[in-house]
Amino acid sequence: MSNELETCLAALFINKGKDVLTAKEFTMYASLDLRWMQVRDANALMNVLIEKKLMSKNGDYLRPLINISEVSVPVAYRPSADLIKALNNNTSKQPAATKKDAAPDLLPKLIQEALASGMEKGAFVSECNKISKRMDVDMAVAAIMILKERGVDATPFIEEARSSVLSR
């Protein structure tokens, strides 16, 4: 599995065209862009690569500890089903990470508020994503902005959103 981990690491960094990635870039690229695996499996892959000393993490930045240019990466490489299964097993053994004193996820409450006001869930979440990316704000902040724009009283959620954002 170690050889495949090296290939997977090299393929990811070579495909991305960078020698340093943030943890979020790593997981989103492996899961959403390359469609290799689920986000939780990409997180597990990141942790395994760090644990096996194939990649270092300094703050939020990840850097390969191997010379990725020396790794032979097949054309159209995808991690094997065995590797993904091993990552799945690894994630199921680890307890879910919990943030102490962090507010529970606010977005589901805001979605319920949007539904109660007659908005469709898919359209609301899509619009939240657009605003979140365009304005570089948290999804909950974008959701509150949309709710207020549509005339929904979102003031009960503002303090919770503020504390949730500041706790990150």
C-alpha atoms as a PDB file:
ATOM      1  CA  MET A   1       0.000   0.000   0.000  1.00  0.00           C
ATOM      2  CA  SER A   2       2.921   2.355   0.665  1.00  0.00           C
ATOM      3  CA  ASN A   3       3.910   2.381  -3.015  1.00  0.00           C
ATOM      4  CA  GLU A   4       0.363   3.220  -4.012  1.00  0.00           C
ATOM      5  CA  LEU A   5       0.277   5.976  -1.393  1.00  0.00           C
ATOM      6  CA  GLU A   6       3.357   7.515  -3.022  1.00  0.00           C
ATOM      7  CA  THR A   7       1.723   7.256  -6.455  1.00  0.00           C
ATOM      8  CA  CYS A   8      -1.505   8.776  -5.129  1.00  0.00           C
ATOM      9  CA  LEU A   9       0.384  11.638  -3.475  1.00  0.00           C
ATOM     10  CA  ALA A  10       2.444  12.347  -6.579  1.00  0.00           C
ATOM     11  CA  ALA A  11      -0.585  12.170  -8.887  1.00  0.00           C
ATOM     12  CA  LEU A  12      -2.529  14.596  -6.743  1.00  0.00           C
ATOM     13  CA  PHE A  13       0.225  17.216  -6.512  1.00  0.00           C
ATOM     14  CA  ILE A  14       1.257  16.816 -10.161  1.00  0.00           C
ATOM     15  CA  ASN A  15      -2.355  17.114 -11.382  1.00  0.00           C
ATOM     16  CA  LYS A  16      -2.883  20.192  -9.209  1.00  0.00           C
ATOM     17  CA  GLY A  17       0.376  21.694 -10.491  1.00  0.00           C
ATOM     18  CA  LYS A  18       1.487  22.910  -7.081  1.00  0.00           C
ATOM     19  CA  ASP A  19       4.106  21.844  -4.587  1.00  0.00           C
ATOM     20  CA  VAL A  20       2.163  23.147  -1.557  1.00  0.00           C
ATOM     21  CA  LEU A  21      -1.559  22.793  -0.842  1.00  0.00           C
ATOM     22  CA  THR A  22      -3.792  23.727   2.051  1.00  0.00           C
ATOM     23  CA  ALA A  23      -5.564  20.879   3.799  1.00  0.00           C
ATOM     24  CA  LYS A  24      -8.891  22.051   2.368  1.00  0.00           C
ATOM     25  CA  GLU A  25      -7.440  22.251  -1.177  1.00  0.00           C
ATOM     26  CA  PHE A  26      -6.081  18.722  -0.771  1.00  0.00           C
ATOM     27  CA  THR A  27      -9.369  17.160   0.322  1.00  0.00           C
ATOM     28  CA  MET A  28     -11.543  19.121  -2.095  1.00  0.00           C
ATOM     29  CA  TYR A  29      -9.254  18.423  -5.041  1.00  0.00           C
ATOM     30  CA  ALA A  30      -9.054  14.670  -4.332  1.00  0.00           C
ATOM     31  CA  SER A  31     -12.784  14.341  -3.741  1.00  0.00           C
ATOM     32  CA  LEU A  32     -14.647  16.943  -5.793  1.00  0.00           C
ATOM     33  CA  ASP A  33     -12.298  17.859  -8.645  1.00  0.00           C
ATOM     34  CA  LEU A  34     -10.674  14.498  -9.372  1.00  0.00           C
ATOM     35  CA  ARG A  35     -13.664  12.517  -8.049  1.00  0.00           C
ATOM     36  CA  TRP A  36     -11.369   9.927  -6.555  1.00  0.00           C
ATOM     37  CA  MET A  37     -13.185   9.433  -3.251  1.00  0.00           C
ATOM     38  CA  GLN A  38     -15.528  10.884  -0.646  1.00  0.00           C
ATOM     39  CA  VAL A  39     -14.372  13.928   1.347  1.00  0.00           C
ATOM     40  CA  ARG A  40     -14.000  11.841   4.523  1.00  0.00           C
ATOM     41  CA  ASP A  41     -11.769   9.396   2.623  1.00  0.00           C
ATOM     42  CA  ALA A  42      -9.689  12.298   1.273  1.00  0.00           C
ATOM     43  CA  ASN A  43      -9.242  13.510   4.854  1.00  0.00           C
ATOM     44  CA  ALA A  44      -8.219   9.995   5.860  1.00  0.00           C
ATOM     45  CA  LEU A  45      -5.764   9.881   2.930  1.00  0.00           C
ATOM     46  CA  MET A  46      -4.260  13.175   4.051  1.00  0.00           C
ATOM     47  CA  ASN A  47      -3.868  11.867   7.618  1.00  0.00           C
ATOM     48  CA  VAL A  48      -2.332   8.578   6.448  1.00  0.00           C
ATOM     49  CA  LEU A  49       0.148  10.389   4.185  1.00  0.00           C
ATOM     50  CA  ILE A  50       1.204  12.584   7.107  1.00  0.00           C
ATOM     51  CA  GLU A  51       1.363   9.613   9.480  1.00  0.00           C
ATOM     52  CA  LYS A  52       3.530   7.605   7.038  1.00  0.00           C
ATOM     53  CA  LYS A  53       5.867  10.626   6.671  1.00  0.00           C
ATOM     54  CA  LEU A  54       5.152  10.940   2.943  1.00  0.00           C
ATOM     55  CA  MET A  55       3.750  14.428   3.415  1.00  0.00           C
ATOM     56  CA  SER A  56       4.319  17.141   6.023  1.00  0.00           C
ATOM     57  CA  LYS A  57       1.812  19.511   7.537  1.00  0.00           C
ATOM     58  CA  ASN A  58       3.011  22.893   8.697  1.00  0.00           C
ATOM     59  CA  GLY A  59       0.090  24.938   9.966  1.00  0.00           C
ATOM     60  CA  ASP A  60      -2.540  24.383   7.313  1.00  0.00           C
ATOM     61  CA  TYR A  61      -0.035  23.786   4.510  1.00  0.00           C
ATOM     62  CA  LEU A  62       0.795  20.366   3.109  1.00  0.00           C
ATOM     63  CA  ARG A  63       4.001  19.540   1.254  1.00  0.00           C
ATOM     64  CA  PRO A  64       5.218  16.199  -0.118  1.00  0.00           C
ATOM     65  CA  LEU A  65       8.267  14.786   1.662  1.00  0.00           C
ATOM     66  CA  ILE A  66       9.154  12.630  -1.330  1.00  0.00           C
ATOM     67  CA  ASN A  67      10.403  13.763  -4.706  1.00  0.00           C
ATOM     68  CA  ILE A  68       7.144  13.458  -6.654  1.00  0.00           C
ATOM     69  CA  SER A  69       8.929  13.913  -9.992  1.00  0.00           C
ATOM     70  CA  GLU A  70      10.661  10.554  -9.431  1.00  0.00           C
ATOM     71  CA  VAL A  71       7.378   8.688  -8.920  1.00  0.00           C
ATOM     72  CA  SER A  72       6.001   6.925 -11.976  1.00  0.00           C
ATOM     73  CA  VAL A  73       2.356   7.968 -12.211  1.00  0.00           C
ATOM     74  CA  PRO A  74       0.241   6.099 -14.793  1.00  0.00           C
ATOM     75  CA  VAL A  75      -1.821   8.143 -17.230  1.00  0.00           C
ATOM     76  CA  ALA A  76      -5.358   8.722 -15.884  1.00  0.00           C
ATOM     77  CA  TYR A  77      -4.331   7.352 -12.478  1.00  0.00           C
ATOM     78  CA  ARG A  78      -7.080   6.655  -9.954  1.00  0.00           C
ATOM     79  CA  PRO A  79      -6.531   5.166  -6.491  1.00  0.00           C
ATOM     80  CA  SER A  80      -7.389   1.487  -6.340  1.00  0.00           C
ATOM     81  CA  ALA A  81     -10.547   0.235  -4.710  1.00  0.00           C
ATOM     82  CA  ASP A  82      -8.340  -1.482  -2.103  1.00  0.00           C
ATOM     83  CA  LEU A  83      -6.747   1.833  -1.098  1.00  0.00           C
ATOM     84  CA  ILE A  84     -10.128   3.544  -0.802  1.00  0.00           C
ATOM     85  CA  LYS A  85     -11.482   0.592   1.183  1.00  0.00           C
ATOM     86  CA  ALA A  86      -8.485   0.803   3.527  1.00  0.00           C
ATOM     87  CA  LEU A  87      -9.130   4.533   3.957  1.00  0.00           C
ATOM     88  CA  ASN A  88     -12.793   3.788   4.667  1.00  0.00           C
ATOM     89  CA  ASN A  89     -11.771   1.306   7.339  1.00  0.00           C
ATOM     90  CA  ASN A  90      -9.346   3.842   8.775  1.00  0.00           C
ATOM     91  CA  THR A  91     -12.044   6.533   9.063  1.00  0.00           C
ATOM     92  CA  SER A  92     -14.556   4.195  10.682  1.00  0.00           C
ATOM     93  CA  LYS A  93     -12.055   3.336  13.444  1.00  0.00           C
ATOM     94  CA  GLN A  94     -11.331   6.965  14.287  1.00  0.00           C
ATOM     95  CA  PRO A  95     -13.870   8.876  16.365  1.00  0.00           C
ATOM     96  CA  ALA A  96     -15.390  11.844  14.637  1.00  0.00           C
ATOM     97  CA  ALA A  97     -13.593  15.066  15.404  1.00  0.00           C
ATOM     98  CA  THR A  98     -15.678  17.397  17.493  1.00  0.00           C
ATOM     99  CA  LYS A  99     -15.145  21.056  18.150  1.00  0.00           C
ATOM    100  CA  LYS A 100     -15.494  21.875  21.813  1.00  0.00           C
ATOM    101  CA  ASP A 101     -17.568  24.945  22.599  1.00  0.00           C
ATOM    102  CA  ALA A 102     -18.334  25.400  18.898  1.00  0.00           C
ATOM    103  CA  ALA A 103     -21.918  26.177  17.999  1.00  0.00           C
ATOM    104  CA  PRO A 104     -23.773  23.308  16.323  1.00  0.00           C
ATOM    105  CA  ASP A 105     -24.020  23.606  12.583  1.00  0.00           C
ATOM    106  CA  LEU A 106     -26.229  26.571  11.873  1.00  0.00           C
ATOM    107  CA  LEU A 107     -26.832  25.919   8.189  1.00  0.00           C
ATOM    108  CA  PRO A 108     -29.571  23.262   8.673  1.00  0.00           C
ATOM    109  CA  LYS A 109     -31.502  25.730  10.866  1.00  0.00           C
ATOM    110  CA  LEU A 110     -31.167  28.422   8.217  1.00  0.00           C
ATOM    111  CA  ILE A 111     -32.306  25.991   5.518  1.00  0.00           C
ATOM    112  CA  GLN A 112     -35.386  25.188   7.617  1.00  0.00           C
ATOM    113  CA  GLU A 113     -36.063  28.915   7.946  1.00  0.00           C
ATOM    114  CA  ALA A 114     -35.776  29.284   4.155  1.00  0.00           C
ATOM    115  CA  LEU A 115     -38.168  26.364   3.611  1.00  0.00           C
ATOM    116  CA  ALA A 116     -40.644  27.864   6.075  1.00  0.00           C
ATOM    117  CA  SER A 117     -40.591  31.104   4.101  1.00  0.00           C
ATOM    118  CA  GLY A 118     -41.378  29.285   0.839  1.00  0.00           C
ATOM    119  CA  MET A 119     -37.920  28.985  -0.706  1.00  0.00           C
ATOM    120  CA  GLU A 120     -36.845  25.735  -2.338  1.00  0.00           C
ATOM    121  CA  LYS A 121     -33.985  23.950  -0.595  1.00  0.00           C
ATOM    122  CA  GLY A 122     -31.874  23.329  -3.707  1.00  0.00           C
ATOM    123  CA  ALA A 123     -32.185  26.881  -4.978  1.00  0.00           C
ATOM    124  CA  PHE A 124     -31.438  28.302  -1.522  1.00  0.00           C
ATOM    125  CA  VAL A 125     -28.319  26.170  -0.998  1.00  0.00           C
ATOM    126  CA  SER A 126     -27.138  26.903  -4.536  1.00  0.00           C
ATOM    127  CA  GLU A 127     -27.517  30.635  -3.992  1.00  0.00           C
ATOM    128  CA  CYS A 128     -25.718  30.335  -0.615  1.00  0.00           C
ATOM    129  CA  ASN A 129     -22.816  28.595  -2.364  1.00  0.00           C
ATOM    130  CA  LYS A 130     -22.589  31.312  -5.012  1.00  0.00           C
ATOM    131  CA  ILE A 131     -22.566  34.132  -2.492  1.00  0.00           C
ATOM    132  CA  SER A 132     -20.192  32.288  -0.178  1.00  0.00           C
ATOM    133  CA  LYS A 133     -17.655  31.833  -2.987  1.00  0.00           C
ATOM    134  CA  ARG A 134     -18.118  35.238  -4.596  1.00  0.00           C
ATOM    135  CA  MET A 135     -17.877  37.185  -1.332  1.00  0.00           C
ATOM    136  CA  ASP A 136     -15.542  34.750   0.456  1.00  0.00           C
ATOM    137  CA  VAL A 137     -17.849  34.391   3.456  1.00  0.00           C
ATOM    138  CA  ASP A 138     -19.055  31.442   5.509  1.00  0.00           C
ATOM    139  CA  MET A 139     -22.113  29.571   4.203  1.00  0.00           C
ATOM    140  CA  ALA A 140     -24.142  30.547   7.268  1.00  0.00           C
ATOM    141  CA  VAL A 141     -23.336  34.226   6.669  1.00  0.00           C
ATOM    142  CA  ALA A 142     -24.392  33.884   3.032  1.00  0.00           C
ATOM    143  CA  ALA A 143     -27.608  32.156   4.118  1.00  0.00           C
ATOM    144  CA  ILE A 144     -28.426  34.956   6.557  1.00  0.00           C
ATOM    145  CA  MET A 145     -27.783  37.525   3.837  1.00  0.00           C
ATOM    146  CA  ILE A 146     -30.190  35.739   1.480  1.00  0.00           C
ATOM    147  CA  LEU A 147     -32.854  35.353   4.159  1.00  0.00           C
ATOM    148  CA  LYS A 148     -32.659  39.059   5.072  1.00  0.00           C
ATOM    149  CA  GLU A 149     -32.757  39.990   1.374  1.00  0.00           C
ATOM    150  CA  ARG A 150     -35.976  37.981   1.020  1.00  0.00           C
ATOM    151  CA  GLY A 151     -37.569  39.708   4.011  1.00  0.00           C
ATOM    152  CA  VAL A 152     -37.106  36.888   6.524  1.00  0.00           C
ATOM    153  CA  ASP A 153     -36.174  37.938  10.056  1.00  0.00           C
ATOM    154  CA  ALA A 154     -32.762  36.304  10.516  1.00  0.00           C
ATOM    155  CA  THR A 155     -31.719  38.305  13.592  1.00  0.00           C
ATOM    156  CA  PRO A 156     -32.111  35.312  15.955  1.00  0.00           C
ATOM    157  CA  PHE A 157     -29.313  33.575  14.022  1.00  0.00           C
ATOM    158  CA  ILE A 158     -26.821  36.427  13.716  1.00  0.00           C
ATOM    159  CA  GLU A 159     -25.104  35.989  17.092  1.00  0.00           C
ATOM    160  CA  GLU A 160     -24.898  32.220  16.632  1.00  0.00           C
ATOM    161  CA  ALA A 161     -23.353  32.696  13.177  1.00  0.00           C
ATOM    162  CA  ARG A 162     -20.913  35.262  14.556  1.00  0.00           C
ATOM    163  CA  SER A 163     -19.717  32.978  17.356  1.00  0.00           C
ATOM    164  CA  SER A 164     -19.539  29.995  14.995  1.00  0.00           C
ATOM    165  CA  VAL A 165     -17.384  31.911  12.496  1.00  0.00           C
ATOM    166  CA  LEU A 166     -15.123  33.345  15.197  1.00  0.00           C
ATOM    167  CA  SER A 167     -14.587  29.912  16.773  1.00  0.00           C
ATOM    168  CA  ARG A 168     -12.926  28.576  13.620  1.00  0.00           C
END
